[in-house]
Amino acid sequence: MQHQNKRKSFQKTDKMQFEKLDHIGIAVKDIEKSNELFALLTGKKAYKLEAVESENVMTSFFDGGNMKVELLQATDATSPIAKFIEKRGEGLHHIAFEVENIEEKMKDFEAKGFRLLNKTPKKGADNKLICFLHPKDTNGVLIELCQSIEISEQ
């Protein structure tokens, strides 16, 4: 029996899981060249460059109006982004949704049969706590849950 069949079905009483689409993440080989490309595409420069040492990535962010675009370049061969590019090439890596209470949402998704790639939220880029849902449970799309970190939480 596949894991997907163990998921609970949607009920009309289920509460909204996401507040909004926060960003899409794109795996790139060369963040400098990709920043130039996305500056041409969006008409804006990246507003933020940030290293996320726990994930071995360099990120840059573009304001996309209602959501952001995050470019991710591996800084180490062991990075999940390096492995992704080696297997699939550059391209869409994940879709991130903003949530108010990431720990509560993680419990909700786990109770519904989704596998979490990390059991506790971890610090991500752009001042967020993050957790990923296993792509085998989400039609092959890596879904990120993210919650803004309040000043007092840092």
C-alpha atoms as a PDB file:
ATOM      1  CA  MET A   1       0.000   0.000   0.000  1.00  0.00           C
ATOM      2  CA  GLN A   2       1.438   3.338  -0.982  1.00  0.00           C
ATOM      3  CA  HIS A   3       1.825   6.062   1.623  1.00  0.00           C
ATOM      4  CA  GLN A   4      -0.395   8.407  -0.394  1.00  0.00           C
ATOM      5  CA  ASN A   5      -3.398   6.122   0.218  1.00  0.00           C
ATOM      6  CA  LYS A   6      -3.007   6.564   3.984  1.00  0.00           C
ATOM      7  CA  ARG A   7      -3.736  10.299   3.779  1.00  0.00           C
ATOM      8  CA  LYS A   8      -7.033  11.431   5.186  1.00  0.00           C
ATOM      9  CA  SER A   9      -9.408  12.911   2.669  1.00  0.00           C
ATOM     10  CA  PHE A  10     -10.436  16.547   2.658  1.00  0.00           C
ATOM     11  CA  GLN A  11     -13.387  17.436   4.871  1.00  0.00           C
ATOM     12  CA  LYS A  12     -15.490  20.599   4.566  1.00  0.00           C
ATOM     13  CA  THR A  13     -14.716  21.278   8.227  1.00  0.00           C
ATOM     14  CA  ASP A  14     -10.943  21.363   7.611  1.00  0.00           C
ATOM     15  CA  LYS A  15      -9.466  24.749   8.450  1.00  0.00           C
ATOM     16  CA  MET A  16      -7.430  26.789   5.996  1.00  0.00           C
ATOM     17  CA  GLN A  17      -3.857  25.530   5.999  1.00  0.00           C
ATOM     18  CA  PHE A  18      -2.037  28.461   4.370  1.00  0.00           C
ATOM     19  CA  GLU A  19      -2.318  32.213   4.792  1.00  0.00           C
ATOM     20  CA  LYS A  20      -0.721  33.026   1.424  1.00  0.00           C
ATOM     21  CA  LEU A  21       1.770  31.928  -1.202  1.00  0.00           C
ATOM     22  CA  ASP A  22       5.020  33.394   0.117  1.00  0.00           C
ATOM     23  CA  HIS A  23       7.554  32.508  -2.578  1.00  0.00           C
ATOM     24  CA  ILE A  24       8.713  30.070  -5.189  1.00  0.00           C
ATOM     25  CA  GLY A  25      12.235  28.698  -4.935  1.00  0.00           C
ATOM     26  CA  ILE A  26      14.341  28.165  -8.044  1.00  0.00           C
ATOM     27  CA  ALA A  27      17.534  26.105  -7.973  1.00  0.00           C
ATOM     28  CA  VAL A  28      20.327  27.750  -9.980  1.00  0.00           C
ATOM     29  CA  LYS A  29      23.946  26.919 -10.771  1.00  0.00           C
ATOM     30  CA  ASP A  30      25.228  30.508 -10.833  1.00  0.00           C
ATOM     31  CA  ILE A  31      23.402  32.984  -8.624  1.00  0.00           C
ATOM     32  CA  GLU A  32      25.171  36.030 -10.091  1.00  0.00           C
ATOM     33  CA  LYS A  33      24.114  35.194 -13.663  1.00  0.00           C
ATOM     34  CA  SER A  34      20.645  34.235 -12.454  1.00  0.00           C
ATOM     35  CA  ASN A  35      20.343  37.532 -10.552  1.00  0.00           C
ATOM     36  CA  GLU A  36      21.082  39.355 -13.809  1.00  0.00           C
ATOM     37  CA  LEU A  37      18.470  37.276 -15.632  1.00  0.00           C
ATOM     38  CA  PHE A  38      15.769  37.850 -13.004  1.00  0.00           C
ATOM     39  CA  ALA A  39      16.588  41.562 -12.858  1.00  0.00           C
ATOM     40  CA  LEU A  40      15.834  41.667 -16.586  1.00  0.00           C
ATOM     41  CA  LEU A  41      12.676  39.592 -16.138  1.00  0.00           C
ATOM     42  CA  THR A  42      11.290  41.543 -13.178  1.00  0.00           C
ATOM     43  CA  GLY A  43      12.711  44.994 -13.869  1.00  0.00           C
ATOM     44  CA  LYS A  44      14.106  45.011 -10.310  1.00  0.00           C
ATOM     45  CA  LYS A  45      17.358  43.987  -8.651  1.00  0.00           C
ATOM     46  CA  ALA A  46      17.463  41.355  -5.936  1.00  0.00           C
ATOM     47  CA  TYR A  47      16.530  43.039  -2.682  1.00  0.00           C
ATOM     48  CA  LYS A  48      18.337  40.549  -0.491  1.00  0.00           C
ATOM     49  CA  LEU A  49      21.295  38.168  -0.670  1.00  0.00           C
ATOM     50  CA  GLU A  50      21.647  35.717   2.185  1.00  0.00           C
ATOM     51  CA  ALA A  51      23.682  32.622   3.005  1.00  0.00           C
ATOM     52  CA  VAL A  52      21.860  29.831   4.821  1.00  0.00           C
ATOM     53  CA  GLU A  53      24.684  27.804   6.303  1.00  0.00           C
ATOM     54  CA  SER A  54      22.455  25.014   7.655  1.00  0.00           C
ATOM     55  CA  GLU A  55      21.332  24.241   4.082  1.00  0.00           C
ATOM     56  CA  ASN A  56      24.652  25.085   2.371  1.00  0.00           C
ATOM     57  CA  VAL A  57      23.019  27.578   0.025  1.00  0.00           C
ATOM     58  CA  MET A  58      23.289  31.189  -1.055  1.00  0.00           C
ATOM     59  CA  THR A  59      19.910  32.786  -1.691  1.00  0.00           C
ATOM     60  CA  SER A  60      18.685  35.938  -3.347  1.00  0.00           C
ATOM     61  CA  PHE A  61      15.172  37.342  -3.305  1.00  0.00           C
ATOM     62  CA  PHE A  62      13.174  39.269  -5.866  1.00  0.00           C
ATOM     63  CA  ASP A  63       9.960  41.099  -5.124  1.00  0.00           C
ATOM     64  CA  GLY A  64       7.289  39.591  -7.329  1.00  0.00           C
ATOM     65  CA  GLY A  65       4.440  41.799  -6.115  1.00  0.00           C
ATOM     66  CA  ASN A  66       2.118  39.398  -4.296  1.00  0.00           C
ATOM     67  CA  MET A  67       4.902  36.895  -3.704  1.00  0.00           C
ATOM     68  CA  LYS A  68       8.678  36.570  -3.861  1.00  0.00           C
ATOM     69  CA  VAL A  69      11.066  34.631  -6.062  1.00  0.00           C
ATOM     70  CA  GLU A  70      13.955  32.972  -4.210  1.00  0.00           C
ATOM     71  CA  LEU A  71      17.009  31.845  -6.150  1.00  0.00           C
ATOM     72  CA  LEU A  72      19.095  29.133  -4.466  1.00  0.00           C
ATOM     73  CA  GLN A  73      22.689  28.223  -5.319  1.00  0.00           C
ATOM     74  CA  ALA A  74      24.516  25.398  -3.559  1.00  0.00           C
ATOM     75  CA  THR A  75      27.649  26.428  -1.674  1.00  0.00           C
ATOM     76  CA  ASP A  76      28.695  22.823  -1.069  1.00  0.00           C
ATOM     77  CA  ALA A  77      28.360  19.533  -2.970  1.00  0.00           C
ATOM     78  CA  THR A  78      26.364  18.056  -0.052  1.00  0.00           C
ATOM     79  CA  SER A  79      23.681  20.745  -0.287  1.00  0.00           C
ATOM     80  CA  PRO A  80      20.145  19.598  -1.126  1.00  0.00           C
ATOM     81  CA  ILE A  81      20.271  22.146  -3.976  1.00  0.00           C
ATOM     82  CA  ALA A  82      23.450  20.591  -5.421  1.00  0.00           C
ATOM     83  CA  LYS A  83      21.792  17.179  -5.321  1.00  0.00           C
ATOM     84  CA  PHE A  84      18.613  18.573  -6.891  1.00  0.00           C
ATOM     85  CA  ILE A  85      20.512  20.199  -9.784  1.00  0.00           C
ATOM     86  CA  GLU A  86      22.595  17.069 -10.336  1.00  0.00           C
ATOM     87  CA  LYS A  87      19.430  14.971 -10.593  1.00  0.00           C
ATOM     88  CA  ARG A  88      17.000  17.375 -12.311  1.00  0.00           C
ATOM     89  CA  GLY A  89      18.953  20.403 -13.506  1.00  0.00           C
ATOM     90  CA  GLU A  90      18.141  24.022 -12.759  1.00  0.00           C
ATOM     91  CA  GLY A  91      14.513  24.926 -12.226  1.00  0.00           C
ATOM     92  CA  LEU A  92      11.586  25.074  -9.859  1.00  0.00           C
ATOM     93  CA  HIS A  93      12.679  23.629  -6.518  1.00  0.00           C
ATOM     94  CA  HIS A  94       9.820  24.414  -4.132  1.00  0.00           C
ATOM     95  CA  ILE A  95       6.682  26.414  -3.438  1.00  0.00           C
ATOM     96  CA  ALA A  96       6.481  28.095  -0.033  1.00  0.00           C
ATOM     97  CA  PHE A  97       3.337  28.999   1.846  1.00  0.00           C
ATOM     98  CA  GLU A  98       3.190  31.410   4.796  1.00  0.00           C
ATOM     99  CA  VAL A  99       1.588  30.028   7.956  1.00  0.00           C
ATOM    100  CA  GLU A 100       0.846  31.724  11.269  1.00  0.00           C
ATOM    101  CA  ASN A 101       1.876  28.874  13.553  1.00  0.00           C
ATOM    102  CA  ILE A 102       4.297  26.481  11.871  1.00  0.00           C
ATOM    103  CA  GLU A 103       4.377  23.947  14.708  1.00  0.00           C
ATOM    104  CA  GLU A 104       0.576  23.683  14.698  1.00  0.00           C
ATOM    105  CA  LYS A 105       0.490  23.308  10.895  1.00  0.00           C
ATOM    106  CA  MET A 106       3.199  20.640  11.029  1.00  0.00           C
ATOM    107  CA  LYS A 107       1.082  18.643  13.502  1.00  0.00           C
ATOM    108  CA  ASP A 108      -2.020  19.152  11.323  1.00  0.00           C
ATOM    109  CA  PHE A 109      -0.277  17.925   8.172  1.00  0.00           C
ATOM    110  CA  GLU A 110       1.324  14.982   9.953  1.00  0.00           C
ATOM    111  CA  ALA A 111      -2.084  13.987  11.409  1.00  0.00           C
ATOM    112  CA  LYS A 112      -3.459  14.046   7.848  1.00  0.00           C
ATOM    113  CA  GLY A 113      -0.800  11.569   6.749  1.00  0.00           C
ATOM    114  CA  PHE A 114       1.800  13.871   5.188  1.00  0.00           C
ATOM    115  CA  ARG A 115       5.453  13.127   5.903  1.00  0.00           C
ATOM    116  CA  LEU A 116       7.593  16.015   7.153  1.00  0.00           C
ATOM    117  CA  LEU A 117      11.200  16.278   5.992  1.00  0.00           C
ATOM    118  CA  ASN A 118      12.152  17.829   9.326  1.00  0.00           C
ATOM    119  CA  LYS A 119      10.460  17.066  12.657  1.00  0.00           C
ATOM    120  CA  THR A 120      10.992  20.555  14.072  1.00  0.00           C
ATOM    121  CA  PRO A 121      11.027  23.934  12.324  1.00  0.00           C
ATOM    122  CA  LYS A 122      14.455  25.232  11.397  1.00  0.00           C
ATOM    123  CA  LYS A 123      15.835  28.668  10.583  1.00  0.00           C
ATOM    124  CA  GLY A 124      15.629  29.452   6.890  1.00  0.00           C
ATOM    125  CA  ALA A 125      16.331  32.480   4.725  1.00  0.00           C
ATOM    126  CA  ASP A 126      14.429  35.767   4.842  1.00  0.00           C
ATOM    127  CA  ASN A 127      13.854  35.657   8.621  1.00  0.00           C
ATOM    128  CA  LYS A 128      11.657  32.535   8.500  1.00  0.00           C
ATOM    129  CA  LEU A 129      11.163  29.277  10.345  1.00  0.00           C
ATOM    130  CA  ILE A 130      10.695  26.524   7.772  1.00  0.00           C
ATOM    131  CA  CYS A 131       9.587  22.925   7.324  1.00  0.00           C
ATOM    132  CA  PHE A 132       9.153  20.869   4.160  1.00  0.00           C
ATOM    133  CA  LEU A 133       6.496  18.309   3.233  1.00  0.00           C
ATOM    134  CA  HIS A 134       7.766  15.213   1.409  1.00  0.00           C
ATOM    135  CA  PRO A 135       7.258  15.692  -2.355  1.00  0.00           C
ATOM    136  CA  LYS A 136       6.086  12.080  -2.754  1.00  0.00           C
ATOM    137  CA  ASP A 137       2.988  13.138  -0.791  1.00  0.00           C
ATOM    138  CA  THR A 138       2.385  16.347  -2.794  1.00  0.00           C
ATOM    139  CA  ASN A 139       2.365  15.304  -6.474  1.00  0.00           C
ATOM    140  CA  GLY A 140       6.148  15.586  -6.727  1.00  0.00           C
ATOM    141  CA  VAL A 141       6.244  19.243  -5.619  1.00  0.00           C
ATOM    142  CA  LEU A 142       8.353  20.145  -2.590  1.00  0.00           C
ATOM    143  CA  ILE A 143       6.112  22.258  -0.342  1.00  0.00           C
ATOM    144  CA  GLU A 144       7.680  24.569   2.226  1.00  0.00           C
ATOM    145  CA  LEU A 145       5.804  25.908   5.211  1.00  0.00           C
ATOM    146  CA  CYS A 146       7.274  29.162   6.472  1.00  0.00           C
ATOM    147  CA  GLN A 147       6.548  31.420   9.407  1.00  0.00           C
ATOM    148  CA  SER A 148       8.029  34.868   9.908  1.00  0.00           C
ATOM    149  CA  ILE A 149      10.239  35.041  12.979  1.00  0.00           C
ATOM    150  CA  GLU A 150       9.255  37.753  15.411  1.00  0.00           C
ATOM    151  CA  ILE A 151      12.067  39.882  16.866  1.00  0.00           C
ATOM    152  CA  SER A 152      11.594  38.283  20.324  1.00  0.00           C
ATOM    153  CA  GLU A 153      11.979  34.754  18.814  1.00  0.00           C
ATOM    154  CA  GLN A 154      15.497  35.408  17.458  1.00  0.00           C
END
